[in-house]
Amino acid sequence: MATTLAQIHLKAPPKTKSLLQMAAELSGAANLTDYILRAAVARAHEDMAEHRTFALGDEAWAEFEQRLDAPARDLPALRDLLNSPDVFDAVSSEA
């Protein structure tokens, strides 16, 4: 199965490119693109992880737990939406 690739174009000062090329060679990367992509993907994972976790103090954590444990509010419009047929129901009934 062929994998399609998207292009990413970068412009960098010559000194930055030289630095990256030297680092790529020292790291054993196949080429500069491989080196930059590996570093960028690793950093992207770190940045994403920062937004998936959060820390709360004791008081804020207690309030957070209280809200999680509280009964759900009745939202009639949401209930109606969730109980109405969706596009998949329409397709499956036609089959």
N, C-alpha and C. Protein backbone atom coordinates (compact mmCIF):
# COMPACT_ATOMS: atom_id res chain seq x y z
N MET A 1 0.85 -1.17 0.00
CA MET A 1 0.00 0.00 0.00
C MET A 1 0.90 1.24 0.00
N ALA A 2 0.70 2.14 -0.94
CA ALA A 2 1.51 3.35 -1.04
C ALA A 2 1.09 4.35 0.02
N THR A 3 2.08 4.99 0.60
CA THR A 3 1.81 6.01 1.61
C THR A 3 1.97 7.37 0.95
N THR A 4 0.96 8.20 1.07
CA THR A 4 1.08 9.55 0.53
C THR A 4 1.79 10.41 1.56
N LEU A 5 2.59 11.33 1.08
CA LEU A 5 3.34 12.21 1.95
C LEU A 5 2.97 13.65 1.65
N ALA A 6 2.93 14.45 2.69
CA ALA A 6 2.68 15.89 2.54
C ALA A 6 4.01 16.61 2.70
N GLN A 7 4.18 17.67 1.97
CA GLN A 7 5.42 18.42 2.05
C GLN A 7 5.33 19.51 3.12
N ILE A 8 6.44 19.73 3.79
CA ILE A 8 6.58 20.82 4.74
C ILE A 8 7.80 21.61 4.29
N HIS A 9 7.62 22.86 4.02
CA HIS A 9 8.72 23.70 3.56
C HIS A 9 9.24 24.55 4.71
N LEU A 10 10.55 24.55 4.88
CA LEU A 10 11.18 25.33 5.94
C LEU A 10 12.23 26.25 5.36
N LYS A 11 12.36 27.40 5.96
CA LYS A 11 13.46 28.31 5.63
C LYS A 11 14.21 28.58 6.91
N ALA A 12 15.53 28.50 6.83
CA ALA A 12 16.35 28.71 8.02
C ALA A 12 17.63 29.42 7.61
N PRO A 13 18.20 30.17 8.53
CA PRO A 13 19.50 30.79 8.25
C PRO A 13 20.54 29.70 7.96
N PRO A 14 21.55 30.01 7.13
CA PRO A 14 22.57 29.01 6.79
C PRO A 14 23.23 28.38 8.02
N LYS A 15 23.51 29.16 9.06
CA LYS A 15 24.15 28.60 10.26
C LYS A 15 23.24 27.58 10.94
N THR A 16 21.95 27.85 10.96
CA THR A 16 21.01 26.92 11.56
C THR A 16 20.96 25.63 10.76
N LYS A 17 20.94 25.74 9.44
CA LYS A 17 20.93 24.55 8.59
C LYS A 17 22.19 23.73 8.81
N SER A 18 23.34 24.39 8.90
CA SER A 18 24.59 23.67 9.13
C SER A 18 24.57 22.94 10.47
N LEU A 19 24.07 23.62 11.49
CA LEU A 19 23.97 23.00 12.81
C LEU A 19 23.08 21.76 12.75
N LEU A 20 21.93 21.89 12.11
CA LEU A 20 21.01 20.76 12.00
C LEU A 20 21.63 19.61 11.20
N GLN A 21 22.35 19.93 10.14
CA GLN A 21 22.98 18.89 9.35
C GLN A 21 24.05 18.15 10.15
N MET A 22 24.84 18.88 10.91
CA MET A 22 25.87 18.24 11.74
C MET A 22 25.22 17.34 12.79
N ALA A 23 24.16 17.85 13.43
CA ALA A 23 23.47 17.07 14.45
C ALA A 23 22.84 15.82 13.82
N ALA A 24 22.30 15.96 12.63
CA ALA A 24 21.69 14.81 11.95
C ALA A 24 22.74 13.74 11.67
N GLU A 25 23.91 14.16 11.21
CA GLU A 25 24.99 13.20 10.93
C GLU A 25 25.44 12.51 12.22
N LEU A 26 25.61 13.29 13.28
CA LEU A 26 26.07 12.72 14.55
C LEU A 26 25.05 11.76 15.16
N SER A 27 23.77 12.03 14.92
CA SER A 27 22.72 11.18 15.51
C SER A 27 22.50 9.90 14.72
N GLY A 28 23.05 9.84 13.52
CA GLY A 28 22.85 8.65 12.70
C GLY A 28 21.57 8.69 11.90
N ALA A 29 20.93 9.86 11.85
CA ALA A 29 19.71 9.98 11.05
C ALA A 29 20.03 9.73 9.58
N ALA A 30 19.07 9.20 8.87
CA ALA A 30 19.26 8.90 7.45
C ALA A 30 19.55 10.16 6.64
N ASN A 31 18.91 11.24 7.03
CA ASN A 31 19.11 12.51 6.32
C ASN A 31 18.57 13.64 7.19
N LEU A 32 18.72 14.86 6.72
CA LEU A 32 18.28 16.02 7.48
C LEU A 32 16.77 16.01 7.71
N THR A 33 16.02 15.63 6.71
CA THR A 33 14.56 15.59 6.84
C THR A 33 14.16 14.62 7.95
N ASP A 34 14.77 13.45 7.96
CA ASP A 34 14.47 12.46 8.99
C ASP A 34 14.78 13.01 10.38
N TYR A 35 15.92 13.67 10.50
CA TYR A 35 16.32 14.23 11.79
C TYR A 35 15.32 15.29 12.27
N ILE A 36 14.98 16.22 11.39
CA ILE A 36 14.07 17.30 11.75
C ILE A 36 12.69 16.75 12.09
N LEU A 37 12.20 15.80 11.29
CA LEU A 37 10.88 15.22 11.56
C LEU A 37 10.85 14.49 12.88
N ARG A 38 11.89 13.69 13.18
CA ARG A 38 11.91 12.98 14.45
C ARG A 38 11.90 13.95 15.63
N ALA A 39 12.71 15.01 15.53
CA ALA A 39 12.76 15.99 16.61
C ALA A 39 11.43 16.73 16.74
N ALA A 40 10.84 17.10 15.62
CA ALA A 40 9.58 17.85 15.65
C ALA A 40 8.44 16.98 16.19
N VAL A 41 8.40 15.72 15.80
CA VAL A 41 7.34 14.83 16.28
C VAL A 41 7.50 14.59 17.79
N ALA A 42 8.73 14.41 18.24
CA ALA A 42 8.96 14.22 19.68
C ALA A 42 8.49 15.45 20.45
N ARG A 43 8.81 16.63 19.94
CA ARG A 43 8.39 17.86 20.61
C ARG A 43 6.87 18.02 20.54
N ALA A 44 6.25 17.63 19.45
CA ALA A 44 4.79 17.71 19.33
C ALA A 44 4.12 16.83 20.37
N HIS A 45 4.66 15.63 20.58
CA HIS A 45 4.11 14.75 21.61
C HIS A 45 4.22 15.39 22.99
N GLU A 46 5.35 16.02 23.27
CA GLU A 46 5.54 16.69 24.56
C GLU A 46 4.52 17.82 24.73
N ASP A 47 4.38 18.64 23.69
CA ASP A 47 3.44 19.77 23.76
C ASP A 47 2.00 19.28 23.95
N MET A 48 1.64 18.21 23.25
CA MET A 48 0.29 17.67 23.39
C MET A 48 0.07 17.12 24.79
N ALA A 49 1.08 16.46 25.35
CA ALA A 49 0.96 15.89 26.68
C ALA A 49 0.73 16.97 27.72
N GLU A 50 1.34 18.13 27.52
CA GLU A 50 1.15 19.23 28.46
C GLU A 50 -0.30 19.67 28.55
N HIS A 51 -1.05 19.46 27.49
CA HIS A 51 -2.44 19.89 27.46
C HIS A 51 -3.41 18.78 27.84
N ARG A 52 -2.89 17.58 28.11
CA ARG A 52 -3.76 16.48 28.53
C ARG A 52 -3.72 16.26 30.03
N THR A 53 -2.75 16.84 30.69
CA THR A 53 -2.64 16.67 32.13
C THR A 53 -2.69 18.02 32.81
N PHE A 54 -3.18 18.02 34.03
CA PHE A 54 -3.23 19.25 34.79
C PHE A 54 -3.10 18.92 36.26
N ALA A 55 -2.63 19.88 37.02
CA ALA A 55 -2.44 19.66 38.45
C ALA A 55 -3.35 20.61 39.22
N LEU A 56 -3.91 20.12 40.30
CA LEU A 56 -4.78 20.92 41.15
C LEU A 56 -4.32 20.81 42.59
N GLY A 57 -4.51 21.89 43.32
CA GLY A 57 -4.25 21.84 44.75
C GLY A 57 -5.35 21.04 45.44
N ASP A 58 -5.17 20.79 46.73
CA ASP A 58 -6.12 19.96 47.47
C ASP A 58 -7.54 20.50 47.42
N GLU A 59 -7.70 21.80 47.61
CA GLU A 59 -9.03 22.41 47.63
C GLU A 59 -9.69 22.33 46.25
N ALA A 60 -8.92 22.67 45.22
CA ALA A 60 -9.45 22.62 43.86
C ALA A 60 -9.77 21.17 43.47
N TRP A 61 -8.93 20.22 43.90
CA TRP A 61 -9.18 18.80 43.58
C TRP A 61 -10.47 18.33 44.24
N ALA A 62 -10.69 18.74 45.47
CA ALA A 62 -11.91 18.35 46.18
C ALA A 62 -13.14 18.88 45.45
N GLU A 63 -13.07 20.12 44.99
CA GLU A 63 -14.20 20.69 44.24
C GLU A 63 -14.39 19.96 42.92
N PHE A 64 -13.29 19.65 42.24
CA PHE A 64 -13.35 18.91 40.98
C PHE A 64 -14.04 17.56 41.19
N GLU A 65 -13.63 16.82 42.24
CA GLU A 65 -14.25 15.52 42.53
C GLU A 65 -15.73 15.67 42.86
N GLN A 66 -16.06 16.72 43.59
CA GLN A 66 -17.46 16.95 43.96
C GLN A 66 -18.29 17.17 42.70
N ARG A 67 -17.76 17.94 41.78
CA ARG A 67 -18.52 18.19 40.54
C ARG A 67 -18.63 16.92 39.70
N LEU A 68 -17.59 16.10 39.69
CA LEU A 68 -17.66 14.84 38.94
C LEU A 68 -18.69 13.89 39.54
N ASP A 69 -18.77 13.89 40.86
CA ASP A 69 -19.68 12.98 41.55
C ASP A 69 -21.12 13.48 41.58
N ALA A 70 -21.34 14.75 41.28
CA ALA A 70 -22.69 15.32 41.32
C ALA A 70 -23.54 14.70 40.21
N PRO A 71 -24.85 14.60 40.45
CA PRO A 71 -25.72 14.07 39.38
C PRO A 71 -25.70 14.99 38.16
N ALA A 72 -25.86 14.39 37.02
CA ALA A 72 -25.87 15.16 35.78
C ALA A 72 -27.09 16.08 35.73
N ARG A 73 -26.88 17.25 35.16
CA ARG A 73 -28.02 18.16 34.99
C ARG A 73 -28.89 17.66 33.84
N ASP A 74 -30.17 17.87 33.96
CA ASP A 74 -31.09 17.51 32.89
C ASP A 74 -31.08 18.62 31.85
N LEU A 75 -30.68 18.27 30.64
CA LEU A 75 -30.65 19.23 29.53
C LEU A 75 -31.60 18.70 28.46
N PRO A 76 -32.86 19.18 28.47
CA PRO A 76 -33.85 18.63 27.54
C PRO A 76 -33.43 18.68 26.08
N ALA A 77 -32.82 19.76 25.65
CA ALA A 77 -32.42 19.86 24.24
C ALA A 77 -31.37 18.80 23.90
N LEU A 78 -30.44 18.57 24.80
CA LEU A 78 -29.43 17.55 24.57
C LEU A 78 -30.06 16.16 24.58
N ARG A 79 -30.96 15.91 25.51
CA ARG A 79 -31.66 14.63 25.58
C ARG A 79 -32.40 14.37 24.27
N ASP A 80 -33.11 15.40 23.77
CA ASP A 80 -33.85 15.25 22.51
C ASP A 80 -32.90 14.94 21.34
N LEU A 81 -31.78 15.64 21.32
CA LEU A 81 -30.80 15.42 20.26
C LEU A 81 -30.27 13.99 20.29
N LEU A 82 -29.92 13.53 21.47
CA LEU A 82 -29.36 12.18 21.59
C LEU A 82 -30.39 11.09 21.32
N ASN A 83 -31.66 11.40 21.49
CA ASN A 83 -32.71 10.41 21.23
C ASN A 83 -33.28 10.50 19.82
N SER A 84 -32.87 11.48 19.05
CA SER A 84 -33.39 11.60 17.69
C SER A 84 -32.55 10.74 16.74
N PRO A 85 -33.14 10.29 15.65
CA PRO A 85 -32.39 9.46 14.69
C PRO A 85 -31.24 10.27 14.09
N ASP A 86 -30.14 9.59 13.84
CA ASP A 86 -29.02 10.27 13.20
C ASP A 86 -28.85 9.73 11.79
N VAL A 87 -27.86 10.22 11.10
CA VAL A 87 -27.64 9.84 9.71
C VAL A 87 -27.38 8.34 9.58
N PHE A 88 -26.75 7.71 10.57
CA PHE A 88 -26.48 6.28 10.50
C PHE A 88 -27.76 5.47 10.65
N ASP A 89 -28.70 5.96 11.47
CA ASP A 89 -29.98 5.28 11.59
C ASP A 89 -30.72 5.31 10.27
N ALA A 90 -30.68 6.43 9.57
CA ALA A 90 -31.37 6.56 8.30
C ALA A 90 -30.77 5.62 7.26
N VAL A 91 -29.44 5.51 7.22
CA VAL A 91 -28.77 4.65 6.25
C VAL A 91 -29.05 3.18 6.54
N SER A 92 -29.01 2.79 7.81
CA SER A 92 -29.21 1.38 8.15
C SER A 92 -30.65 0.94 7.92
N SER A 93 -31.61 1.86 8.03
CA SER A 93 -33.00 1.47 7.81
C SER A 93 -33.31 1.35 6.31
N GLU A 94 -32.48 2.02 5.46
CA GLU A 94 -32.68 1.93 4.00
C GLU A 94 -32.09 0.65 3.45
N ALA A 95 -31.14 0.06 4.16
CA ALA A 95 -30.43 -1.12 3.62
C ALA A 95 -31.26 -2.37 3.67
